[in-house]
Protein backbone atom coordinates (compact mmCIF):
# COMPACT_ATOMS: atom_id res chain seq x y z
CA UNK A 1 4.46 -20.16 0.42
CA UNK A 2 4.67 -18.50 -3.42
CA UNK A 3 7.23 -20.08 -5.67
CA UNK A 4 10.63 -18.48 -5.55
CA UNK A 5 11.00 -15.92 -8.18
CA UNK A 6 14.64 -15.40 -9.00
CA UNK A 7 17.43 -12.71 -10.67
CA UNK A 8 20.99 -12.28 -10.31
CA UNK A 9 20.41 -10.00 -7.08
CA UNK A 10 18.43 -10.94 -3.84
CA UNK A 11 17.73 -8.95 -0.51
CA UNK A 12 16.40 -12.05 1.35
CA UNK A 13 14.21 -11.22 4.31
CA UNK A 14 16.55 -10.66 7.13
CA UNK A 15 18.26 -7.75 5.42
CA UNK A 16 16.32 -5.32 6.90
CA UNK A 17 16.31 -2.32 8.66
CA UNK A 18 13.50 0.48 10.46
CA UNK A 19 14.59 3.89 9.45
CA UNK A 20 15.56 5.77 6.02
CA UNK A 21 18.93 7.31 6.09
CA UNK A 22 21.88 7.60 3.83
CA UNK A 23 24.36 6.09 6.60
CA UNK A 24 22.46 2.63 6.49
CA UNK A 25 25.08 -0.12 4.54
CA UNK A 26 24.04 -1.15 1.40
CA UNK A 27 23.29 -4.83 1.26
CA UNK A 28 23.74 -5.06 -2.45
CA UNK A 29 25.14 -3.38 -5.21
CA UNK A 30 24.05 -3.20 -8.72
CA UNK A 31 24.23 -0.94 -11.95
CA UNK A 32 21.64 0.59 -13.53
CA UNK A 33 19.28 -1.72 -15.31
CA UNK A 34 19.85 -4.49 -12.84
CA UNK A 35 17.16 -6.73 -11.76
CA UNK A 36 16.84 -7.13 -8.09
CA UNK A 37 14.53 -9.65 -5.94
CA UNK A 38 13.61 -9.23 -2.63
CA UNK A 39 12.10 -11.38 -0.10
CA UNK A 40 10.02 -9.34 2.38
CA UNK A 41 8.15 -10.07 5.23
CA UNK A 42 4.15 -7.77 6.02
CA UNK A 43 4.10 -5.03 7.62
CA UNK A 44 3.92 -5.88 10.77
CA UNK A 45 7.51 -6.97 11.17
CA UNK A 46 6.01 -10.87 12.09
CA UNK A 47 4.10 -9.09 15.06
CA UNK A 48 0.96 -10.60 13.16
CA UNK A 49 1.13 -14.56 11.89
CA UNK A 50 -1.85 -16.61 10.62
CA UNK A 51 -2.50 -17.71 13.92
CA UNK A 52 -2.66 -14.38 15.66
CA UNK A 53 -5.49 -13.38 17.68
CA UNK A 54 -7.41 -9.79 19.15
CA UNK A 55 -4.31 -10.06 21.76
CA UNK A 56 -1.33 -9.53 19.12
CA UNK A 57 -3.02 -6.22 17.68
CA UNK A 58 -3.82 -4.81 21.45
CA UNK A 59 0.39 -5.86 21.70
CA UNK A 60 1.18 -3.98 19.00
CA UNK A 61 4.22 -2.28 18.67
CA UNK A 62 4.28 0.58 16.01
CA UNK A 63 7.78 1.40 16.04
CA UNK A 64 8.59 -2.11 14.71
CA UNK A 65 5.99 -1.67 11.76
CA UNK A 66 7.13 -1.30 8.43
CA UNK A 67 10.12 -2.89 8.02
CA UNK A 68 12.22 -1.94 4.81
CA UNK A 69 14.32 -4.61 2.89
CA UNK A 70 17.79 -3.11 1.45
CA UNK A 71 19.21 -0.90 1.02
CA UNK A 72 20.03 -1.61 -2.27
CA UNK A 73 23.06 0.71 -3.97
CA UNK A 74 22.74 1.57 -7.81
CA UNK A 75 25.96 2.53 -9.20
CA UNK A 76 25.85 6.13 -11.09
CA UNK A 77 23.10 7.38 -9.17
CA UNK A 78 23.63 10.54 -7.65
CA UNK A 79 21.52 13.43 -6.00
CA UNK A 80 19.54 15.26 -8.76
CA UNK A 81 18.88 12.26 -10.68
CA UNK A 82 15.56 10.16 -10.88
CA UNK A 83 15.70 6.23 -10.17
CA UNK A 84 13.32 4.31 -12.65
CA UNK A 85 11.68 1.41 -10.33
CA UNK A 86 9.99 -1.34 -12.41
CA UNK A 87 7.45 -3.54 -11.16
CA UNK A 88 8.38 -7.06 -12.77
CA UNK A 89 6.20 -9.19 -10.35
CA UNK A 90 4.55 -9.75 -7.28
CA UNK A 91 3.92 -12.58 -5.40
CA UNK A 92 1.93 -12.72 -2.13
CA UNK A 93 1.95 -15.43 0.32
CA UNK A 94 -1.02 -17.77 0.94
CA UNK A 95 -2.24 -15.51 3.72
CA UNK A 96 -2.74 -12.30 4.50
CA UNK A 97 -4.23 -10.07 7.67
CA UNK A 98 -6.64 -7.01 8.43
CA UNK A 99 -7.01 -5.40 11.46
CA UNK A 100 -8.29 -2.46 12.99
CA UNK A 101 -5.72 -1.13 16.11
CA UNK A 102 -7.23 1.69 18.89
CA UNK A 103 -6.32 5.02 17.84
CA UNK A 104 -5.03 4.32 14.09
CA UNK A 105 -7.18 5.34 10.99
CA UNK A 106 -9.26 7.48 9.33
CA UNK A 107 -12.30 7.08 11.96
CA UNK A 108 -9.97 5.86 14.99
CA UNK A 109 -12.33 7.78 17.67
CA UNK A 110 -15.48 5.77 16.30
CA UNK A 111 -13.48 2.67 16.24
CA UNK A 112 -11.69 2.06 19.29
CA UNK A 113 -11.78 -1.43 19.57
CA UNK A 114 -9.05 -4.16 18.18
CA UNK A 115 -10.34 -6.15 15.48
CA UNK A 116 -8.45 -8.49 13.33
CA UNK A 117 -9.22 -10.56 10.01
CA UNK A 118 -7.01 -13.36 8.71
CA UNK A 119 -7.29 -14.09 5.37
CA UNK A 120 -6.66 -16.80 2.86
CA UNK A 121 -4.82 -16.26 0.04
CA UNK A 122 -4.09 -17.80 -3.36
CA UNK A 123 -0.53 -16.21 -4.67
CA UNK A 124 -1.87 -18.03 -8.30
CA UNK A 125 -5.63 -16.29 -7.85
CA UNK A 126 -7.25 -13.45 -8.09
CA UNK A 127 -9.49 -13.04 -5.58
CA UNK A 128 -10.24 -13.48 -1.77
CA UNK A 129 -12.75 -14.25 0.17
CA UNK A 130 -14.36 -11.60 2.92
CA UNK A 131 -16.73 -13.38 3.66
CA UNK A 132 -20.04 -15.47 2.14
CA UNK A 133 -21.29 -13.45 -1.10
CA UNK A 134 -17.90 -10.97 -1.19
CA UNK A 135 -14.68 -11.60 -2.89
CA UNK A 136 -11.90 -9.22 -3.25
CA UNK A 137 -9.74 -9.02 -6.53
CA UNK A 138 -6.43 -9.90 -5.45
CA UNK A 139 -4.06 -6.85 -7.35
CA UNK A 140 -0.43 -7.21 -5.29
CA UNK A 141 1.60 -3.65 -4.50
CA UNK A 142 4.09 -2.89 -2.26
CA UNK A 143 2.98 -0.09 0.18
CA UNK A 144 6.62 0.89 0.49
CA UNK A 145 9.31 1.83 -1.90
CA UNK A 146 11.92 4.88 -1.64
CA UNK A 147 15.08 6.05 -1.26
CA UNK A 148 17.25 7.27 1.48
CA UNK A 149 16.77 10.92 2.48
CA UNK A 150 19.80 13.83 1.79
CA UNK A 151 20.11 14.46 5.10
CA UNK A 152 18.75 13.05 8.80
CA UNK A 153 16.78 9.79 9.63
CA UNK A 154 12.95 9.17 9.26
CA UNK A 155 11.04 6.91 10.39
CA UNK A 156 9.23 4.34 7.83
CA UNK A 157 5.48 4.88 8.29
CA UNK A 158 4.73 8.44 6.95
CA UNK A 159 5.26 9.20 3.26
CA UNK A 160 7.79 11.05 2.21
CA UNK A 161 9.34 13.05 -1.44
CA UNK A 162 11.38 10.49 -1.93
CA UNK A 163 8.75 7.53 -1.59
CA UNK A 164 8.48 5.16 1.43
CA UNK A 165 5.26 4.23 2.69
CA UNK A 166 3.26 6.08 0.12
CA UNK A 167 0.65 3.01 -0.41
CA UNK A 168 -0.62 3.73 -3.91
CA UNK A 169 -2.65 0.00 -4.81
CA UNK A 170 -2.04 1.57 -8.65
CA UNK A 171 1.70 1.00 -8.62
CA UNK A 172 1.57 -2.93 -9.73
CA UNK A 173 3.18 -5.49 -11.59
CA UNK A 174 3.77 -3.47 -14.92
CA UNK A 175 3.86 -0.12 -13.91
CA UNK A 176 7.49 2.16 -13.30
CA UNK A 177 7.33 4.65 -10.08
CA UNK A 178 9.75 7.38 -10.21
CA UNK A 179 11.35 8.40 -7.12
CA UNK A 180 14.39 11.48 -6.62
CA UNK A 181 17.43 10.70 -5.76
CA UNK A 182 18.69 12.73 -2.68
CA UNK A 183 21.81 10.40 -1.70
CA UNK A 184 24.71 9.22 -3.57
CA UNK A 185 23.02 5.12 -5.04
CA UNK A 186 19.71 6.13 -4.12
CA UNK A 187 19.81 2.99 -1.41
CA UNK A 188 16.48 1.68 -2.58
CA UNK A 189 14.51 -0.37 -0.34
CA UNK A 190 11.26 -1.59 0.00
CA UNK A 191 8.20 -3.55 1.90
CA UNK A 192 4.95 -3.35 3.04
CA UNK A 193 3.24 -6.04 1.10
CA UNK A 194 -0.71 -5.66 -0.05
CA UNK A 195 -2.58 -8.25 -2.10
CA UNK A 196 -5.70 -5.70 -2.26
CA UNK A 197 -6.35 -2.01 -0.54
CA UNK A 198 -8.98 0.77 -1.30
CA UNK A 199 -7.44 4.29 -2.02
CA UNK A 200 -6.20 5.68 1.55
CA UNK A 201 -6.27 2.39 3.59
CA UNK A 202 -8.87 3.97 5.78
CA UNK A 203 -9.16 1.68 8.51
CA UNK A 204 -5.14 1.82 8.67
CA UNK A 205 -4.53 -1.37 7.58
CA UNK A 206 -4.90 -3.43 3.39
CA UNK A 207 -5.12 -7.03 2.86
CA UNK A 208 -1.00 -7.46 4.48
CA UNK A 209 1.08 -9.97 3.50
CA UNK A 210 4.57 -11.38 3.08
CA UNK A 211 5.50 -10.96 -0.41
CA UNK A 212 8.42 -11.98 -3.29
CA UNK A 213 9.17 -8.79 -5.74
CA UNK A 214 11.73 -8.41 -8.82
CA UNK A 215 12.10 -4.72 -9.40
CA UNK A 216 14.32 -3.60 -12.47
CA UNK A 217 16.23 -0.31 -11.48
CA UNK A 218 17.41 2.20 -13.71
CA UNK A 219 18.84 5.55 -13.14
CA UNK A 220 17.56 8.20 -15.22
CA UNK A 221 19.36 11.57 -15.98
CA UNK A 222 16.86 12.73 -18.34
CA UNK A 223 13.89 13.45 -16.00
CA UNK A 224 13.98 16.77 -13.91
CA UNK A 225 10.62 17.47 -13.23
CA UNK A 226 11.03 14.47 -10.36
CA UNK A 227 10.88 16.09 -7.09
CA UNK A 228 8.53 13.66 -5.47
CA UNK A 229 7.39 9.93 -6.48
CA UNK A 230 5.86 9.93 -10.12
CA UNK A 231 4.52 6.52 -11.65
CA UNK A 232 3.25 5.64 -14.78
CA UNK A 233 0.55 2.90 -14.80
CA UNK A 234 -1.27 1.74 -18.29
CA UNK A 235 -4.97 0.47 -17.93
CA UNK A 236 -5.43 -3.03 -16.23
CA UNK A 237 -8.03 -4.76 -14.63
CA UNK A 238 -7.51 -2.72 -11.15
CA UNK A 239 -8.44 0.59 -13.03
CA UNK A 240 -11.11 -0.83 -15.46
CA UNK A 241 -13.09 -3.04 -12.52
CA UNK A 242 -15.75 0.11 -11.50
CA UNK A 243 -16.89 -0.42 -15.50
CA UNK A 244 -19.10 -3.03 -13.53
CA UNK A 245 -20.32 -0.14 -11.99
CA UNK A 246 -20.13 1.34 -8.27
CA UNK A 247 -22.16 3.04 -5.44
CA UNK A 248 -20.74 6.43 -4.18
CA UNK A 249 -21.10 8.86 -1.66
CA UNK A 250 -20.10 12.45 -0.97
CA UNK A 251 -18.65 13.49 1.52
CA UNK A 252 -18.48 17.91 2.04
CA UNK A 253 -17.03 20.12 4.17
CA UNK A 254 -14.31 22.96 4.52
CA UNK A 255 -11.83 20.68 5.89
CA UNK A 256 -10.44 17.88 3.35
CA UNK A 257 -9.73 15.59 6.00
CA UNK A 258 -13.26 15.87 7.74
CA UNK A 259 -14.74 15.81 3.84
CA UNK A 260 -12.83 12.18 3.37
CA UNK A 261 -14.17 10.92 7.09
CA UNK A 262 -17.57 11.69 5.54
CA UNK A 263 -17.87 9.66 2.80
CA UNK A 264 -15.84 6.87 4.18
CA UNK A 265 -18.61 7.22 7.21
CA UNK A 266 -21.87 7.49 4.53
CA UNK A 267 -19.92 4.02 2.12
CA UNK A 268 -19.99 2.37 6.02
CA UNK A 269 -23.54 3.06 6.59
CA UNK A 270 -24.70 2.11 2.90
CA UNK A 271 -22.99 -1.14 3.26
CA UNK A 272 -23.84 -1.82 6.66
CA UNK A 273 -27.75 -1.16 5.06
CA UNK A 274 -27.70 -2.74 1.96
CA UNK A 275 -24.95 -5.83 2.42
CA UNK A 276 -25.70 -7.06 5.69
CA UNK A 277 -22.73 -6.05 7.16
CA UNK A 278 -21.72 -5.09 10.94
CA UNK A 279 -19.88 -1.35 10.66
CA UNK A 280 -16.54 -3.47 11.91
CA UNK A 281 -16.92 -5.25 8.60
CA UNK A 282 -17.99 -2.35 6.52
CA UNK A 283 -15.10 -0.08 7.95
CA UNK A 284 -12.76 -3.51 6.73
CA UNK A 285 -14.51 -3.54 3.33
CA UNK A 286 -13.96 -0.05 2.77
CA UNK A 287 -10.23 -0.30 3.83
CA UNK A 288 -9.60 -2.99 1.48
CA UNK A 289 -11.55 -2.06 -1.91
CA UNK A 290 -12.81 1.56 -2.31
CA UNK A 291 -11.78 4.27 -4.51
CA UNK A 292 -11.46 8.05 -3.32
CA UNK A 293 -11.33 10.92 -5.20
CA UNK A 294 -10.89 14.70 -4.23
CA UNK A 295 -14.50 15.61 -6.53
CA UNK A 296 -14.23 19.31 -6.14
CA UNK A 297 -11.51 21.63 -4.32
CA UNK A 298 -12.41 25.18 -6.05
CA UNK A 299 -15.92 25.86 -4.98
CA UNK A 300 -14.68 27.27 -1.57
CA UNK A 301 -15.35 27.36 1.66
CA UNK A 302 -16.51 23.25 1.12
CA UNK A 303 -14.42 20.62 -0.28
CA UNK A 304 -16.16 17.88 -1.43
CA UNK A 305 -14.68 14.22 -1.54
CA UNK A 306 -16.37 10.60 -3.11
CA UNK A 307 -15.64 7.35 -1.57
CA UNK A 308 -17.28 4.57 -4.05
CA UNK A 309 -17.27 0.63 -3.68
CA UNK A 310 -17.46 -1.17 -6.64
CA UNK A 311 -20.17 -3.68 -6.89
CA UNK A 312 -18.47 -6.30 -9.04
CA UNK A 313 -17.18 -7.36 -5.71
CA UNK A 314 -20.69 -8.97 -4.17
CA UNK A 315 -20.85 -12.34 -6.05
CA UNK A 316 -24.63 -12.30 -6.00
CA UNK A 317 -26.55 -10.24 -8.90
CA UNK A 318 -29.04 -9.05 -7.18
CA UNK A 319 -26.27 -7.11 -4.95
CA UNK A 320 -25.56 -5.14 -7.70
CA UNK A 321 -28.01 -2.39 -7.30
CA UNK A 322 -28.75 0.03 -4.54
């Protein structure tokens, strides 16, 4: 495990829940601008471990996935305000996992069987080995950060206007997330640590890992335009990774989701034919590394989506060409 990150306010791994609701009693009350640390377990809620096998994937219970750690009540936060979440520090565990789960993922009908990869991670390192010749830069982030909705209960898996399972890989240490407050105290929770992920998390999982987290929570009264998750991110190794070159495939279709599927299928085929990967390996690699962009939406009836893989993940320099 990574060395513990400390602050005056701490949420431990047992202080977790499985729904968004303002009726849940907060585990902690803090002032605006206080720093809070969290010990989180992985998004499987402990169903996958370093010794897991395919059987654990086949018996996976989705209703237990994406546990939330908290909630934290922030004094002074009222409906109509914005909660600023400054990501100060994120430390992964020494292991992670990626899985293809039957019935889940953007190409679920094409990958009906369960598969599991257990990763070795160095909490102080910058890369994780996918297989010989392929190393994935690690950029830890939380898949889930959010606040309670105004009314009712919401499950943890779909993203919401109040945050939740937004799985946005750019919200790494050094960034700020802005969430619209809908309940008194905001009632902030987080979880679902990822060591690395591609846009879309296309096979359904990233490099899932337990994580130790350090966040600053600040109430903002001056951001009335925030009605859904907003964030700010400086240039970083994540956003600059493609400067070393990438290979991209365009998917074109009158349905935006099908255009995305076509782009992902194309990048999988590229990886299979040029990088000596199986289709399963290529699907997993896409899920933890690719970038997705909506390249064109105005020339109806078709949309264009691009899927690109950064070539620097291939450590054999001869692989840096198409």
